[in-house]
Amino acid sequence: MANGELRRGSDRMVAGVCSGIAQWLGWPVDRVRLVYVLVSIFSAAFPGILCYLLLWFLMPDSTD
């Protein structure tokens, strides 16, 4: 994974995937969560859930 794209412990709600993506993009974590939810709703939810689960297992965990 790219530098900074880690699942973060300090901002995590479930697995820290959105907070890691937010850190990588330089966006507020709430914006990434909102975009993720909207994309998941408009794609019938299943692909969004599958992507989240894959990222949960593929993204390295941070040490904080």
PDB file of N, CA and C in Angstrom:
ATOM      1  N   MET A   1       0.832  -1.181   0.000  1.00  0.00           N
ATOM      2  CA  MET A   1       0.000   0.000   0.000  1.00  0.00           C
ATOM      3  C   MET A   1       0.875   1.241   0.000  1.00  0.00           C
ATOM      4  N   ALA A   2       0.314   2.324  -0.461  1.00  0.00           N
ATOM      5  CA  ALA A   2       1.045   3.584  -0.520  1.00  0.00           C
ATOM      6  C   ALA A   2       1.302   4.121   0.885  1.00  0.00           C
ATOM      7  N   ASN A   3       2.322   4.929   0.999  1.00  0.00           N
ATOM      8  CA  ASN A   3       2.656   5.523   2.285  1.00  0.00           C
ATOM      9  C   ASN A   3       1.475   6.328   2.803  1.00  0.00           C
ATOM     10  N   GLY A   4       1.050   6.067   4.027  1.00  0.00           N
ATOM     11  CA  GLY A   4      -0.059   6.790   4.623  1.00  0.00           C
ATOM     12  C   GLY A   4      -1.391   6.095   4.462  1.00  0.00           C
ATOM     13  N   GLU A   5      -1.467   5.072   3.624  1.00  0.00           N
ATOM     14  CA  GLU A   5      -2.724   4.378   3.427  1.00  0.00           C
ATOM     15  C   GLU A   5      -2.801   3.200   4.395  1.00  0.00           C
ATOM     16  N   LEU A   6      -3.029   3.525   5.642  1.00  0.00           N
ATOM     17  CA  LEU A   6      -3.111   2.532   6.700  1.00  0.00           C
ATOM     18  C   LEU A   6      -4.454   2.640   7.383  1.00  0.00           C
ATOM     19  N   ARG A   7      -4.918   1.508   7.885  1.00  0.00           N
ATOM     20  CA  ARG A   7      -6.111   1.563   8.712  1.00  0.00           C
ATOM     21  C   ARG A   7      -5.694   2.199  10.023  1.00  0.00           C
ATOM     22  N   ARG A   8      -6.331   3.287  10.387  1.00  0.00           N
ATOM     23  CA  ARG A   8      -5.922   4.045  11.565  1.00  0.00           C
ATOM     24  C   ARG A   8      -6.771   3.682  12.765  1.00  0.00           C
ATOM     25  N   GLY A   9      -6.139   3.572  13.908  1.00  0.00           N
ATOM     26  CA  GLY A   9      -6.837   3.225  15.132  1.00  0.00           C
ATOM     27  C   GLY A   9      -7.510   4.389  15.804  1.00  0.00           C
ATOM     28  N   SER A  10      -6.977   5.597  15.633  1.00  0.00           N
ATOM     29  CA  SER A  10      -7.501   6.745  16.363  1.00  0.00           C
ATOM     30  C   SER A  10      -8.832   7.239  15.817  1.00  0.00           C
ATOM     31  N   ASP A  11      -9.093   7.091  14.518  1.00  0.00           N
ATOM     32  CA  ASP A  11     -10.325   7.594  13.914  1.00  0.00           C
ATOM     33  C   ASP A  11     -11.288   6.494  13.500  1.00  0.00           C
ATOM     34  N   ARG A  12     -11.011   5.283  13.852  1.00  0.00           N
ATOM     35  CA  ARG A  12     -11.798   4.182  13.316  1.00  0.00           C
ATOM     36  C   ARG A  12     -13.163   4.078  13.981  1.00  0.00           C
ATOM     37  N   MET A  13     -14.150   3.704  13.161  1.00  0.00           N
ATOM     38  CA  MET A  13     -15.487   3.402  13.664  1.00  0.00           C
ATOM     39  C   MET A  13     -15.700   1.890  13.636  1.00  0.00           C
ATOM     40  N   VAL A  14     -15.335   1.272  12.521  1.00  0.00           N
ATOM     41  CA  VAL A  14     -15.452  -0.182  12.401  1.00  0.00           C
ATOM     42  C   VAL A  14     -14.060  -0.784  12.272  1.00  0.00           C
ATOM     43  N   ALA A  15     -13.435  -0.593  11.115  1.00  0.00           N
ATOM     44  CA  ALA A  15     -12.122  -1.190  10.891  1.00  0.00           C
ATOM     45  C   ALA A  15     -11.047  -0.163  10.558  1.00  0.00           C
ATOM     46  N   GLY A  16     -11.413   1.100  10.418  1.00  0.00           N
ATOM     47  CA  GLY A  16     -10.433   2.142  10.128  1.00  0.00           C
ATOM     48  C   GLY A  16     -10.125   2.327   8.660  1.00  0.00           C
ATOM     49  N   VAL A  17     -10.878   1.675   7.778  1.00  0.00           N
ATOM     50  CA  VAL A  17     -10.620   1.772   6.343  1.00  0.00           C
ATOM     51  C   VAL A  17     -10.865   3.193   5.845  1.00  0.00           C
ATOM     52  N   CYS A  18     -11.988   3.775   6.197  1.00  0.00           N
ATOM     53  CA  CYS A  18     -12.304   5.135   5.733  1.00  0.00           C
ATOM     54  C   CYS A  18     -11.323   6.157   6.292  1.00  0.00           C
ATOM     55  N   SER A  19     -10.885   5.976   7.527  1.00  0.00           N
ATOM     56  CA  SER A  19      -9.928   6.931   8.092  1.00  0.00           C
ATOM     57  C   SER A  19      -8.566   6.818   7.405  1.00  0.00           C
ATOM     58  N   GLY A  20      -8.172   5.616   7.015  1.00  0.00           N
ATOM     59  CA  GLY A  20      -6.923   5.449   6.270  1.00  0.00           C
ATOM     60  C   GLY A  20      -6.994   6.073   4.890  1.00  0.00           C
ATOM     61  N   ILE A  21      -8.136   5.905   4.220  1.00  0.00           N
ATOM     62  CA  ILE A  21      -8.320   6.520   2.908  1.00  0.00           C
ATOM     63  C   ILE A  21      -8.362   8.037   3.045  1.00  0.00           C
ATOM     64  N   ALA A  22      -9.021   8.537   4.088  1.00  0.00           N
ATOM     65  CA  ALA A  22      -9.081   9.989   4.315  1.00  0.00           C
ATOM     66  C   ALA A  22      -7.690  10.565   4.534  1.00  0.00           C
ATOM     67  N   GLN A  23      -6.878   9.875   5.286  1.00  0.00           N
ATOM     68  CA  GLN A  23      -5.508  10.341   5.525  1.00  0.00           C
ATOM     69  C   GLN A  23      -4.727  10.354   4.212  1.00  0.00           C
ATOM     70  N   TRP A  24      -4.880   9.335   3.408  1.00  0.00           N
ATOM     71  CA  TRP A  24      -4.176   9.229   2.133  1.00  0.00           C
ATOM     72  C   TRP A  24      -4.598  10.334   1.165  1.00  0.00           C
ATOM     73  N   LEU A  25      -5.915  10.646   1.143  1.00  0.00           N
ATOM     74  CA  LEU A  25      -6.428  11.686   0.258  1.00  0.00           C
ATOM     75  C   LEU A  25      -6.233  13.094   0.813  1.00  0.00           C
ATOM     76  N   GLY A  26      -6.028  13.191   2.130  1.00  0.00           N
ATOM     77  CA  GLY A  26      -5.929  14.502   2.762  1.00  0.00           C
ATOM     78  C   GLY A  26      -7.293  15.130   2.989  1.00  0.00           C
ATOM     79  N   TRP A  27      -8.318  14.308   3.075  1.00  0.00           N
ATOM     80  CA  TRP A  27      -9.691  14.773   3.278  1.00  0.00           C
ATOM     81  C   TRP A  27     -10.094  14.547   4.729  1.00  0.00           C
ATOM     82  N   PRO A  28     -11.128  15.249   5.194  1.00  0.00           N
ATOM     83  CA  PRO A  28     -11.696  14.933   6.511  1.00  0.00           C
ATOM     84  C   PRO A  28     -12.342  13.540   6.468  1.00  0.00           C
ATOM     85  N   VAL A  29     -12.204  12.808   7.537  1.00  0.00           N
ATOM     86  CA  VAL A  29     -12.712  11.433   7.570  1.00  0.00           C
ATOM     87  C   VAL A  29     -14.226  11.394   7.407  1.00  0.00           C
ATOM     88  N   ASP A  30     -14.933  12.399   7.903  1.00  0.00           N
ATOM     89  CA  ASP A  30     -16.393  12.419   7.754  1.00  0.00           C
ATOM     90  C   ASP A  30     -16.812  12.514   6.287  1.00  0.00           C
ATOM     91  N   ARG A  31     -16.051  13.245   5.485  1.00  0.00           N
ATOM     92  CA  ARG A  31     -16.349  13.365   4.055  1.00  0.00           C
ATOM     93  C   ARG A  31     -16.166  12.022   3.358  1.00  0.00           C
ATOM     94  N   VAL A  32     -15.107  11.306   3.708  1.00  0.00           N
ATOM     95  CA  VAL A  32     -14.862   9.989   3.089  1.00  0.00           C
ATOM     96  C   VAL A  32     -15.974   9.022   3.481  1.00  0.00           C
ATOM     97  N   ARG A  33     -16.387   9.046   4.730  1.00  0.00           N
ATOM     98  CA  ARG A  33     -17.473   8.160   5.168  1.00  0.00           C
ATOM     99  C   ARG A  33     -18.765   8.471   4.425  1.00  0.00           C
ATOM    100  N   LEU A  34     -19.075   9.764   4.267  1.00  0.00           N
ATOM    101  CA  LEU A  34     -20.285  10.165   3.556  1.00  0.00           C
ATOM    102  C   LEU A  34     -20.237   9.709   2.105  1.00  0.00           C
ATOM    103  N   VAL A  35     -19.112   9.920   1.437  1.00  0.00           N
ATOM    104  CA  VAL A  35     -18.966   9.485   0.043  1.00  0.00           C
ATOM    105  C   VAL A  35     -19.105   7.968  -0.050  1.00  0.00           C
ATOM    106  N   TYR A  36     -18.494   7.244   0.880  1.00  0.00           N
ATOM    107  CA  TYR A  36     -18.580   5.783   0.865  1.00  0.00           C
ATOM    108  C   TYR A  36     -20.034   5.319   1.020  1.00  0.00           C
ATOM    109  N   VAL A  37     -20.758   5.911   1.953  1.00  0.00           N
ATOM    110  CA  VAL A  37     -22.157   5.520   2.175  1.00  0.00           C
ATOM    111  C   VAL A  37     -23.003   5.827   0.944  1.00  0.00           C
ATOM    112  N   LEU A  38     -22.817   7.012   0.362  1.00  0.00           N
ATOM    113  CA  LEU A  38     -23.596   7.370  -0.827  1.00  0.00           C
ATOM    114  C   LEU A  38     -23.289   6.445  -2.003  1.00  0.00           C
ATOM    115  N   VAL A  39     -22.024   6.154  -2.232  1.00  0.00           N
ATOM    116  CA  VAL A  39     -21.659   5.242  -3.322  1.00  0.00           C
ATOM    117  C   VAL A  39     -22.231   3.850  -3.062  1.00  0.00           C
ATOM    118  N   SER A  40     -22.195   3.405  -1.819  1.00  0.00           N
ATOM    119  CA  SER A  40     -22.739   2.084  -1.481  1.00  0.00           C
ATOM    120  C   SER A  40     -24.244   2.029  -1.701  1.00  0.00           C
ATOM    121  N   ILE A  41     -24.944   3.068  -1.319  1.00  0.00           N
ATOM    122  CA  ILE A  41     -26.402   3.092  -1.493  1.00  0.00           C
ATOM    123  C   ILE A  41     -26.768   3.065  -2.973  1.00  0.00           C
ATOM    124  N   PHE A  42     -26.068   3.885  -3.764  1.00  0.00           N
ATOM    125  CA  PHE A  42     -26.400   3.965  -5.183  1.00  0.00           C
ATOM    126  C   PHE A  42     -25.888   2.778  -5.993  1.00  0.00           C
ATOM    127  N   SER A  43     -25.074   1.923  -5.399  1.00  0.00           N
ATOM    128  CA  SER A  43     -24.612   0.721  -6.107  1.00  0.00           C
ATOM    129  C   SER A  43     -25.237  -0.534  -5.512  1.00  0.00           C
ATOM    130  N   ALA A  44     -26.386  -0.388  -4.892  1.00  0.00           N
ATOM    131  CA  ALA A  44     -27.138  -1.498  -4.303  1.00  0.00           C
ATOM    132  C   ALA A  44     -26.418  -2.137  -3.113  1.00  0.00           C
ATOM    133  N   ALA A  45     -25.542  -1.415  -2.459  1.00  0.00           N
ATOM    134  CA  ALA A  45     -24.885  -1.770  -1.198  1.00  0.00           C
ATOM    135  C   ALA A  45     -23.906  -2.935  -1.273  1.00  0.00           C
ATOM    136  N   PHE A  46     -24.196  -3.996  -1.994  1.00  0.00           N
ATOM    137  CA  PHE A  46     -23.327  -5.168  -1.957  1.00  0.00           C
ATOM    138  C   PHE A  46     -21.897  -4.886  -2.406  1.00  0.00           C
ATOM    139  N   PRO A  47     -21.668  -4.213  -3.541  1.00  0.00           N
ATOM    140  CA  PRO A  47     -20.273  -3.948  -3.935  1.00  0.00           C
ATOM    141  C   PRO A  47     -19.524  -3.096  -2.908  1.00  0.00           C
ATOM    142  N   GLY A  48     -20.206  -2.155  -2.286  1.00  0.00           N
ATOM    143  CA  GLY A  48     -19.567  -1.324  -1.272  1.00  0.00           C
ATOM    144  C   GLY A  48     -19.151  -2.128  -0.055  1.00  0.00           C
ATOM    145  N   ILE A  49     -19.985  -3.043   0.369  1.00  0.00           N
ATOM    146  CA  ILE A  49     -19.669  -3.898   1.512  1.00  0.00           C
ATOM    147  C   ILE A  49     -18.508  -4.824   1.165  1.00  0.00           C
ATOM    148  N   LEU A  50     -18.536  -5.381  -0.033  1.00  0.00           N
ATOM    149  CA  LEU A  50     -17.466  -6.275  -0.469  1.00  0.00           C
ATOM    150  C   LEU A  50     -16.132  -5.530  -0.536  1.00  0.00           C
ATOM    151  N   CYS A  51     -16.137  -4.326  -1.098  1.00  0.00           N
ATOM    152  CA  CYS A  51     -14.909  -3.516  -1.165  1.00  0.00           C
ATOM    153  C   CYS A  51     -14.391  -3.206   0.230  1.00  0.00           C
ATOM    154  N   TYR A  52     -15.281  -2.839   1.136  1.00  0.00           N
ATOM    155  CA  TYR A  52     -14.864  -2.518   2.496  1.00  0.00           C
ATOM    156  C   TYR A  52     -14.207  -3.722   3.157  1.00  0.00           C
ATOM    157  N   LEU A  53     -14.820  -4.880   3.003  1.00  0.00           N
ATOM    158  CA  LEU A  53     -14.254  -6.091   3.610  1.00  0.00           C
ATOM    159  C   LEU A  53     -12.891  -6.429   3.013  1.00  0.00           C
ATOM    160  N   LEU A  54     -12.755  -6.290   1.701  1.00  0.00           N
ATOM    161  CA  LEU A  54     -11.459  -6.549   1.065  1.00  0.00           C
ATOM    162  C   LEU A  54     -10.397  -5.575   1.567  1.00  0.00           C
ATOM    163  N   LEU A  55     -10.741  -4.291   1.641  1.00  0.00           N
ATOM    164  CA  LEU A  55      -9.778  -3.309   2.135  1.00  0.00           C
ATOM    165  C   LEU A  55      -9.426  -3.553   3.592  1.00  0.00           C
ATOM    166  N   TRP A  56     -10.388  -4.019   4.385  1.00  0.00           N
ATOM    167  CA  TRP A  56     -10.149  -4.311   5.795  1.00  0.00           C
ATOM    168  C   TRP A  56      -9.038  -5.351   5.928  1.00  0.00           C
ATOM    169  N   PHE A  57      -9.065  -6.350   5.084  1.00  0.00           N
ATOM    170  CA  PHE A  57      -8.060  -7.407   5.168  1.00  0.00           C
ATOM    171  C   PHE A  57      -6.767  -7.087   4.416  1.00  0.00           C
ATOM    172  N   LEU A  58      -6.828  -6.221   3.401  1.00  0.00           N
ATOM    173  CA  LEU A  58      -5.647  -5.926   2.607  1.00  0.00           C
ATOM    174  C   LEU A  58      -4.829  -4.735   3.103  1.00  0.00           C
ATOM    175  N   MET A  59      -5.481  -3.750   3.711  1.00  0.00           N
ATOM    176  CA  MET A  59      -4.764  -2.561   4.178  1.00  0.00           C
ATOM    177  C   MET A  59      -4.027  -2.895   5.469  1.00  0.00           C
ATOM    178  N   PRO A  60      -2.763  -2.510   5.564  1.00  0.00           N
ATOM    179  CA  PRO A  60      -2.029  -2.753   6.809  1.00  0.00           C
ATOM    180  C   PRO A  60      -2.575  -1.879   7.940  1.00  0.00           C
ATOM    181  N   ASP A  61      -2.504  -2.380   9.143  1.00  0.00           N
ATOM    182  CA  ASP A  61      -2.973  -1.655  10.330  1.00  0.00           C
ATOM    183  C   ASP A  61      -1.880  -0.706  10.803  1.00  0.00           C
ATOM    184  N   SER A  62      -2.269   0.456  11.289  1.00  0.00           N
ATOM    185  CA  SER A  62      -1.281   1.399  11.815  1.00  0.00           C
ATOM    186  C   SER A  62      -0.932   1.025  13.243  1.00  0.00           C
ATOM    187  N   THR A  63       0.093   1.657  13.774  1.00  0.00           N
ATOM    188  CA  THR A  63       0.530   1.350  15.125  1.00  0.00           C
ATOM    189  C   THR A  63      -0.073   2.266  16.178  1.00  0.00           C
ATOM    190  N   ASP A  64      -0.870   3.292  15.768  1.00  0.00           N
ATOM    191  CA  ASP A  64      -1.447   4.206  16.770  1.00  0.00           C
ATOM    192  C   ASP A  64      -2.784   3.763  17.266  1.00  0.00           C
TER     193      ASP A  64
END
